[in-house]
Amino acid sequence: MKCVFRTIEVNKEWIESKVEKPGWQRGIYASRVNFFINHIKNKTFRRSLITLARNQSNGHFILLDGQHKLEAIKATDSSFKMDCKLCEGMTEEEMMKEYISLNNVKLHRIIDDIKLHIGKNEILDSFLDEQIFPINVNLSGGINSIRIDRF
Protein backbone atom coordinates (compact mmCIF):
# COMPACT_ATOMS: atom_id res chain seq x y z
CA MET A 1 0.00 0.00 0.00
CA LYS A 2 1.27 3.45 -0.96
CA CYS A 3 -0.33 6.71 0.19
CA VAL A 4 0.26 10.23 -1.07
CA PHE A 5 -1.21 13.56 -0.06
CA ARG A 6 -2.77 15.86 -2.65
CA THR A 7 -4.91 18.97 -2.67
CA ILE A 8 -7.95 18.37 -4.87
CA GLU A 9 -10.72 20.73 -5.97
CA VAL A 10 -13.77 19.00 -4.49
CA ASN A 11 -17.23 19.86 -5.78
CA LYS A 12 -20.54 18.13 -6.46
CA GLU A 13 -19.54 17.01 -9.97
CA TRP A 14 -16.22 15.53 -8.78
CA ILE A 15 -17.89 13.74 -5.85
CA GLU A 16 -20.66 12.25 -8.02
CA SER A 17 -18.34 11.17 -10.83
CA LYS A 18 -15.21 10.06 -8.96
CA VAL A 19 -16.16 8.95 -5.43
CA GLU A 20 -17.68 5.64 -4.35
CA LYS A 21 -18.90 4.70 -0.89
CA PRO A 22 -18.24 1.20 0.40
CA GLY A 23 -21.29 -0.64 1.69
CA TRP A 24 -19.75 -1.26 5.10
CA GLN A 25 -19.56 2.36 6.28
CA ARG A 26 -21.97 3.73 8.84
CA GLY A 27 -24.97 5.57 7.45
CA ILE A 28 -25.16 9.28 6.78
CA TYR A 29 -26.50 11.32 9.70
CA ALA A 30 -28.57 14.27 8.51
CA SER A 31 -27.71 16.26 11.64
CA ARG A 32 -23.97 15.83 10.97
CA VAL A 33 -24.37 16.89 7.32
CA ASN A 34 -26.42 19.92 8.45
CA PHE A 35 -23.66 20.82 10.93
CA PHE A 36 -21.20 21.09 8.01
CA ILE A 37 -23.75 22.84 5.77
CA ASN A 38 -24.13 25.55 8.42
CA HIS A 39 -20.36 25.98 8.57
CA ILE A 40 -20.21 26.26 4.77
CA LYS A 41 -22.97 28.90 4.78
CA ASN A 42 -21.28 30.80 7.63
CA LYS A 43 -17.89 30.57 5.90
CA THR A 44 -16.41 28.71 8.88
CA PHE A 45 -16.03 25.33 7.14
CA ARG A 46 -12.80 23.58 8.12
CA ARG A 47 -11.20 21.66 5.32
CA SER A 48 -9.71 18.75 7.23
CA LEU A 49 -8.22 15.71 5.56
CA ILE A 50 -10.38 13.42 3.41
CA THR A 51 -9.12 9.83 3.10
CA LEU A 52 -9.65 7.92 -0.16
CA ALA A 53 -8.48 4.61 -1.61
CA ARG A 54 -8.14 4.02 -5.35
CA ASN A 55 -10.59 1.50 -6.84
CA GLN A 56 -8.18 -0.44 -9.02
CA SER A 57 -10.90 -1.71 -11.35
CA ASN A 58 -12.20 1.69 -12.53
CA GLY A 59 -9.81 4.34 -11.18
CA HIS A 60 -12.45 5.98 -8.98
CA PHE A 61 -11.88 6.74 -5.31
CA ILE A 62 -13.41 4.79 -2.44
CA LEU A 63 -14.28 7.14 0.42
CA LEU A 64 -12.82 6.01 3.74
CA ASP A 65 -13.25 9.18 5.79
CA GLY A 66 -15.04 12.47 5.24
CA GLN A 67 -18.44 11.30 4.03
CA HIS A 68 -20.44 13.91 5.96
CA LYS A 69 -18.26 16.77 4.69
CA LEU A 70 -18.61 15.57 1.10
CA GLU A 71 -22.38 15.27 1.49
CA ALA A 72 -22.48 18.88 2.76
CA ILE A 73 -20.38 20.07 -0.20
CA LYS A 74 -22.78 18.29 -2.58
CA ALA A 75 -25.87 19.66 -0.84
CA THR A 76 -24.63 23.26 -1.05
CA ASP A 77 -23.15 22.86 -4.53
CA SER A 78 -19.93 24.34 -3.14
CA SER A 79 -16.35 23.89 -4.21
CA PHE A 80 -13.35 23.63 -1.90
CA LYS A 81 -9.71 22.74 -2.25
CA MET A 82 -9.44 19.79 0.12
CA ASP A 83 -6.36 18.01 1.38
CA CYS A 84 -6.75 14.34 0.54
CA LYS A 85 -4.88 11.23 1.53
CA LEU A 86 -4.92 8.96 -1.54
CA CYS A 87 -4.03 5.31 -1.00
CA GLU A 88 -3.19 2.84 -3.76
CA GLY A 89 -3.12 -0.94 -3.65
CA MET A 90 -5.35 -1.44 -0.61
CA THR A 91 -7.36 -4.61 -0.18
CA GLU A 92 -10.92 -4.28 1.07
CA GLU A 93 -9.78 -5.62 4.45
CA GLU A 94 -7.09 -2.92 4.66
CA MET A 95 -9.69 -0.28 3.74
CA MET A 96 -11.99 -1.49 6.50
CA LYS A 97 -9.16 -1.42 9.04
CA GLU A 98 -8.22 2.12 7.98
CA TYR A 99 -11.86 3.22 8.26
CA ILE A 100 -12.15 1.73 11.76
CA SER A 101 -8.85 3.29 12.81
CA LEU A 102 -9.87 6.74 11.56
CA ASN A 103 -13.25 6.57 13.26
CA ASN A 104 -11.90 5.26 16.57
CA VAL A 105 -9.98 8.49 17.13
CA LYS A 106 -13.08 10.62 16.70
CA LEU A 107 -15.50 11.60 19.42
CA HIS A 108 -17.47 8.49 20.30
CA ARG A 109 -21.21 8.94 19.92
CA ILE A 110 -23.51 6.94 22.20
CA ILE A 111 -26.18 7.20 19.52
CA ASP A 112 -23.99 5.09 17.19
CA ASP A 113 -23.85 2.34 19.83
CA ILE A 114 -27.59 2.50 20.34
CA LYS A 115 -28.26 2.18 16.61
CA LEU A 116 -25.78 -0.69 16.32
CA HIS A 117 -27.56 -2.67 19.05
CA ILE A 118 -31.06 -1.86 17.85
CA GLY A 119 -30.42 -2.90 14.27
CA LYS A 120 -32.28 -1.75 11.21
CA ASN A 121 -35.57 -0.07 11.97
CA GLU A 122 -36.37 2.78 9.59
CA ILE A 123 -38.86 4.56 11.85
CA LEU A 124 -36.52 4.42 14.83
CA ASP A 125 -33.56 5.43 12.66
CA SER A 126 -35.40 8.56 11.56
CA PHE A 127 -35.89 9.54 15.21
CA LEU A 128 -32.29 8.77 16.12
CA ASP A 129 -30.93 10.81 13.21
CA GLU A 130 -32.42 13.97 14.72
CA GLN A 131 -30.46 15.95 17.29
CA ILE A 132 -33.48 16.01 19.59
CA PHE A 133 -35.79 13.05 19.28
CA PRO A 134 -39.07 12.16 21.02
CA ILE A 135 -38.02 8.90 22.65
CA ASN A 136 -36.37 7.92 25.90
CA VAL A 137 -33.60 5.33 25.73
CA ASN A 138 -32.80 3.49 28.97
CA LEU A 139 -29.41 1.78 28.96
CA SER A 140 -29.46 0.78 32.62
CA GLY A 141 -30.92 -2.69 32.08
CA GLY A 142 -28.99 -5.95 32.17
CA ILE A 143 -26.15 -6.92 29.89
CA ASN A 144 -26.97 -6.26 26.23
CA SER A 145 -30.44 -4.99 27.08
CA ILE A 146 -32.03 -1.79 25.96
CA ARG A 147 -35.44 -0.24 26.54
CA ILE A 148 -36.95 2.39 24.30
CA ASP A 149 -40.05 4.36 25.19
CA ARG A 150 -41.81 7.10 23.27
CA PHE A 151 -42.45 10.29 25.25
C-alpha atoms as a PDB file:
ATOM      1  CA  MET A   1       0.000   0.000   0.000  1.00  0.00           C
ATOM      2  CA  LYS A   2       1.265   3.445  -0.958  1.00  0.00           C
ATOM      3  CA  CYS A   3      -0.328   6.707   0.193  1.00  0.00           C
ATOM      4  CA  VAL A   4       0.260  10.229  -1.072  1.00  0.00           C
ATOM      5  CA  PHE A   5      -1.215  13.565  -0.056  1.00  0.00           C
ATOM      6  CA  ARG A   6      -2.765  15.864  -2.649  1.00  0.00           C
ATOM      7  CA  THR A   7      -4.911  18.969  -2.674  1.00  0.00           C
ATOM      8  CA  ILE A   8      -7.948  18.368  -4.866  1.00  0.00           C
ATOM      9  CA  GLU A   9     -10.719  20.725  -5.968  1.00  0.00           C
ATOM     10  CA  VAL A  10     -13.765  18.997  -4.494  1.00  0.00           C
ATOM     11  CA  ASN A  11     -17.228  19.862  -5.782  1.00  0.00           C
ATOM     12  CA  LYS A  12     -20.544  18.134  -6.465  1.00  0.00           C
ATOM     13  CA  GLU A  13     -19.537  17.008  -9.966  1.00  0.00           C
ATOM     14  CA  TRP A  14     -16.219  15.530  -8.775  1.00  0.00           C
ATOM     15  CA  ILE A  15     -17.893  13.738  -5.854  1.00  0.00           C
ATOM     16  CA  GLU A  16     -20.657  12.253  -8.017  1.00  0.00           C
ATOM     17  CA  SER A  17     -18.341  11.168 -10.834  1.00  0.00           C
ATOM     18  CA  LYS A  18     -15.211  10.063  -8.960  1.00  0.00           C
ATOM     19  CA  VAL A  19     -16.156   8.950  -5.434  1.00  0.00           C
ATOM     20  CA  GLU A  20     -17.685   5.642  -4.352  1.00  0.00           C
ATOM     21  CA  LYS A  21     -18.899   4.695  -0.894  1.00  0.00           C
ATOM     22  CA  PRO A  22     -18.241   1.201   0.399  1.00  0.00           C
ATOM     23  CA  GLY A  23     -21.288  -0.643   1.687  1.00  0.00           C
ATOM     24  CA  TRP A  24     -19.747  -1.261   5.102  1.00  0.00           C
ATOM     25  CA  GLN A  25     -19.555   2.362   6.284  1.00  0.00           C
ATOM     26  CA  ARG A  26     -21.973   3.730   8.841  1.00  0.00           C
ATOM     27  CA  GLY A  27     -24.971   5.569   7.449  1.00  0.00           C
ATOM     28  CA  ILE A  28     -25.158   9.278   6.781  1.00  0.00           C
ATOM     29  CA  TYR A  29     -26.498  11.321   9.703  1.00  0.00           C
ATOM     30  CA  ALA A  30     -28.567  14.274   8.511  1.00  0.00           C
ATOM     31  CA  SER A  31     -27.708  16.259  11.641  1.00  0.00           C
ATOM     32  CA  ARG A  32     -23.974  15.827  10.970  1.00  0.00           C
ATOM     33  CA  VAL A  33     -24.365  16.895   7.325  1.00  0.00           C
ATOM     34  CA  ASN A  34     -26.420  19.917   8.453  1.00  0.00           C
ATOM     35  CA  PHE A  35     -23.657  20.816  10.925  1.00  0.00           C
ATOM     36  CA  PHE A  36     -21.199  21.086   8.013  1.00  0.00           C
ATOM     37  CA  ILE A  37     -23.754  22.841   5.769  1.00  0.00           C
ATOM     38  CA  ASN A  38     -24.133  25.548   8.423  1.00  0.00           C
ATOM     39  CA  HIS A  39     -20.358  25.979   8.565  1.00  0.00           C
ATOM     40  CA  ILE A  40     -20.215  26.255   4.773  1.00  0.00           C
ATOM     41  CA  LYS A  41     -22.969  28.905   4.783  1.00  0.00           C
ATOM     42  CA  ASN A  42     -21.275  30.797   7.633  1.00  0.00           C
ATOM     43  CA  LYS A  43     -17.894  30.573   5.897  1.00  0.00           C
ATOM     44  CA  THR A  44     -16.406  28.710   8.875  1.00  0.00           C
ATOM     45  CA  PHE A  45     -16.034  25.334   7.144  1.00  0.00           C
ATOM     46  CA  ARG A  46     -12.801  23.581   8.125  1.00  0.00           C
ATOM     47  CA  ARG A  47     -11.199  21.660   5.321  1.00  0.00           C
ATOM     48  CA  SER A  48      -9.715  18.753   7.233  1.00  0.00           C
ATOM     49  CA  LEU A  49      -8.219  15.705   5.560  1.00  0.00           C
ATOM     50  CA  ILE A  50     -10.384  13.422   3.406  1.00  0.00           C
ATOM     51  CA  THR A  51      -9.118   9.828   3.102  1.00  0.00           C
ATOM     52  CA  LEU A  52      -9.646   7.921  -0.156  1.00  0.00           C
ATOM     53  CA  ALA A  53      -8.481   4.614  -1.610  1.00  0.00           C
ATOM     54  CA  ARG A  54      -8.140   4.016  -5.348  1.00  0.00           C
ATOM     55  CA  ASN A  55     -10.586   1.502  -6.837  1.00  0.00           C
ATOM     56  CA  GLN A  56      -8.181  -0.439  -9.019  1.00  0.00           C
ATOM     57  CA  SER A  57     -10.899  -1.711 -11.351  1.00  0.00           C
ATOM     58  CA  ASN A  58     -12.203   1.688 -12.527  1.00  0.00           C
ATOM     59  CA  GLY A  59      -9.805   4.338 -11.181  1.00  0.00           C
ATOM     60  CA  HIS A  60     -12.448   5.983  -8.981  1.00  0.00           C
ATOM     61  CA  PHE A  61     -11.884   6.742  -5.307  1.00  0.00           C
ATOM     62  CA  ILE A  62     -13.413   4.786  -2.435  1.00  0.00           C
ATOM     63  CA  LEU A  63     -14.278   7.138   0.417  1.00  0.00           C
ATOM     64  CA  LEU A  64     -12.815   6.012   3.739  1.00  0.00           C
ATOM     65  CA  ASP A  65     -13.246   9.177   5.794  1.00  0.00           C
ATOM     66  CA  GLY A  66     -15.038  12.470   5.237  1.00  0.00           C
ATOM     67  CA  GLN A  67     -18.443  11.303   4.029  1.00  0.00           C
ATOM     68  CA  HIS A  68     -20.440  13.914   5.956  1.00  0.00           C
ATOM     69  CA  LYS A  69     -18.260  16.766   4.686  1.00  0.00           C
ATOM     70  CA  LEU A  70     -18.606  15.569   1.100  1.00  0.00           C
ATOM     71  CA  GLU A  71     -22.380  15.275   1.491  1.00  0.00           C
ATOM     72  CA  ALA A  72     -22.482  18.884   2.755  1.00  0.00           C
ATOM     73  CA  ILE A  73     -20.385  20.069  -0.199  1.00  0.00           C
ATOM     74  CA  LYS A  74     -22.782  18.289  -2.580  1.00  0.00           C
ATOM     75  CA  ALA A  75     -25.872  19.663  -0.842  1.00  0.00           C
ATOM     76  CA  THR A  76     -24.626  23.260  -1.046  1.00  0.00           C
ATOM     77  CA  ASP A  77     -23.147  22.863  -4.531  1.00  0.00           C
ATOM     78  CA  SER A  78     -19.934  24.343  -3.136  1.00  0.00           C
ATOM     79  CA  SER A  79     -16.346  23.891  -4.210  1.00  0.00           C
ATOM     80  CA  PHE A  80     -13.346  23.628  -1.898  1.00  0.00           C
ATOM     81  CA  LYS A  81      -9.715  22.739  -2.249  1.00  0.00           C
ATOM     82  CA  MET A  82      -9.444  19.785   0.123  1.00  0.00           C
ATOM     83  CA  ASP A  83      -6.358  18.013   1.379  1.00  0.00           C
ATOM     84  CA  CYS A  84      -6.751  14.343   0.537  1.00  0.00           C
ATOM     85  CA  LYS A  85      -4.875  11.232   1.528  1.00  0.00           C
ATOM     86  CA  LEU A  86      -4.916   8.961  -1.543  1.00  0.00           C
ATOM     87  CA  CYS A  87      -4.028   5.312  -0.997  1.00  0.00           C
ATOM     88  CA  GLU A  88      -3.191   2.835  -3.759  1.00  0.00           C
ATOM     89  CA  GLY A  89      -3.122  -0.938  -3.650  1.00  0.00           C
ATOM     90  CA  MET A  90      -5.355  -1.444  -0.611  1.00  0.00           C
ATOM     91  CA  THR A  91      -7.359  -4.609  -0.178  1.00  0.00           C
ATOM     92  CA  GLU A  92     -10.924  -4.279   1.071  1.00  0.00           C
ATOM     93  CA  GLU A  93      -9.778  -5.622   4.449  1.00  0.00           C
ATOM     94  CA  GLU A  94      -7.091  -2.915   4.655  1.00  0.00           C
ATOM     95  CA  MET A  95      -9.685  -0.282   3.744  1.00  0.00           C
ATOM     96  CA  MET A  96     -11.994  -1.489   6.500  1.00  0.00           C
ATOM     97  CA  LYS A  97      -9.158  -1.419   9.043  1.00  0.00           C
ATOM     98  CA  GLU A  98      -8.217   2.117   7.980  1.00  0.00           C
ATOM     99  CA  TYR A  99     -11.859   3.215   8.263  1.00  0.00           C
ATOM    100  CA  ILE A 100     -12.149   1.729  11.763  1.00  0.00           C
ATOM    101  CA  SER A 101      -8.852   3.291  12.812  1.00  0.00           C
ATOM    102  CA  LEU A 102      -9.869   6.739  11.563  1.00  0.00           C
ATOM    103  CA  ASN A 103     -13.249   6.567  13.257  1.00  0.00           C
ATOM    104  CA  ASN A 104     -11.903   5.258  16.568  1.00  0.00           C
ATOM    105  CA  VAL A 105      -9.980   8.492  17.130  1.00  0.00           C
ATOM    106  CA  LYS A 106     -13.084  10.625  16.696  1.00  0.00           C
ATOM    107  CA  LEU A 107     -15.503  11.598  19.417  1.00  0.00           C
ATOM    108  CA  HIS A 108     -17.467   8.488  20.301  1.00  0.00           C
ATOM    109  CA  ARG A 109     -21.206   8.938  19.925  1.00  0.00           C
ATOM    110  CA  ILE A 110     -23.506   6.943  22.201  1.00  0.00           C
ATOM    111  CA  ILE A 111     -26.183   7.197  19.520  1.00  0.00           C
ATOM    112  CA  ASP A 112     -23.988   5.087  17.192  1.00  0.00           C
ATOM    113  CA  ASP A 113     -23.846   2.341  19.828  1.00  0.00           C
ATOM    114  CA  ILE A 114     -27.588   2.499  20.336  1.00  0.00           C
ATOM    115  CA  LYS A 115     -28.262   2.176  16.614  1.00  0.00           C
ATOM    116  CA  LEU A 116     -25.783  -0.685  16.321  1.00  0.00           C
ATOM    117  CA  HIS A 117     -27.563  -2.667  19.046  1.00  0.00           C
ATOM    118  CA  ILE A 118     -31.061  -1.861  17.850  1.00  0.00           C
ATOM    119  CA  GLY A 119     -30.424  -2.897  14.272  1.00  0.00           C
ATOM    120  CA  LYS A 120     -32.284  -1.745  11.209  1.00  0.00           C
ATOM    121  CA  ASN A 121     -35.566  -0.069  11.966  1.00  0.00           C
ATOM    122  CA  GLU A 122     -36.374   2.778   9.589  1.00  0.00           C
ATOM    123  CA  ILE A 123     -38.859   4.558  11.848  1.00  0.00           C
ATOM    124  CA  LEU A 124     -36.524   4.422  14.832  1.00  0.00           C
ATOM    125  CA  ASP A 125     -33.558   5.430  12.659  1.00  0.00           C
ATOM    126  CA  SER A 126     -35.396   8.563  11.555  1.00  0.00           C
ATOM    127  CA  PHE A 127     -35.891   9.541  15.211  1.00  0.00           C
ATOM    128  CA  LEU A 128     -32.285   8.768  16.117  1.00  0.00           C
ATOM    129  CA  ASP A 129     -30.927  10.813  13.212  1.00  0.00           C
ATOM    130  CA  GLU A 130     -32.421  13.968  14.724  1.00  0.00           C
ATOM    131  CA  GLN A 131     -30.458  15.946  17.287  1.00  0.00           C
ATOM    132  CA  ILE A 132     -33.484  16.012  19.585  1.00  0.00           C
ATOM    133  CA  PHE A 133     -35.790  13.055  19.281  1.00  0.00           C
ATOM    134  CA  PRO A 134     -39.068  12.164  21.016  1.00  0.00           C
ATOM    135  CA  ILE A 135     -38.020   8.904  22.649  1.00  0.00           C
ATOM    136  CA  ASN A 136     -36.371   7.923  25.896  1.00  0.00           C
ATOM    137  CA  VAL A 137     -33.598   5.332  25.731  1.00  0.00           C
ATOM    138  CA  ASN A 138     -32.803   3.486  28.967  1.00  0.00           C
ATOM    139  CA  LEU A 139     -29.410   1.780  28.960  1.00  0.00           C
ATOM    140  CA  SER A 140     -29.462   0.782  32.625  1.00  0.00           C
ATOM    141  CA  GLY A 141     -30.919  -2.690  32.080  1.00  0.00           C
ATOM    142  CA  GLY A 142     -28.988  -5.954  32.166  1.00  0.00           C
ATOM    143  CA  ILE A 143     -26.154  -6.922  29.886  1.00  0.00           C
ATOM    144  CA  ASN A 144     -26.968  -6.262  26.227  1.00  0.00           C
ATOM    145  CA  SER A 145     -30.441  -4.991  27.083  1.00  0.00           C
ATOM    146  CA  ILE A 146     -32.027  -1.787  25.964  1.00  0.00           C
ATOM    147  CA  ARG A 147     -35.439  -0.237  26.541  1.00  0.00           C
ATOM    148  CA  ILE A 148     -36.946   2.394  24.297  1.00  0.00           C
ATOM    149  CA  ASP A 149     -40.053   4.363  25.186  1.00  0.00           C
ATOM    150  CA  ARG A 150     -41.813   7.102  23.268  1.00  0.00           C
ATOM    151  CA  PHE A 151     -42.451  10.288  25.247  1.00  0.00           C
END
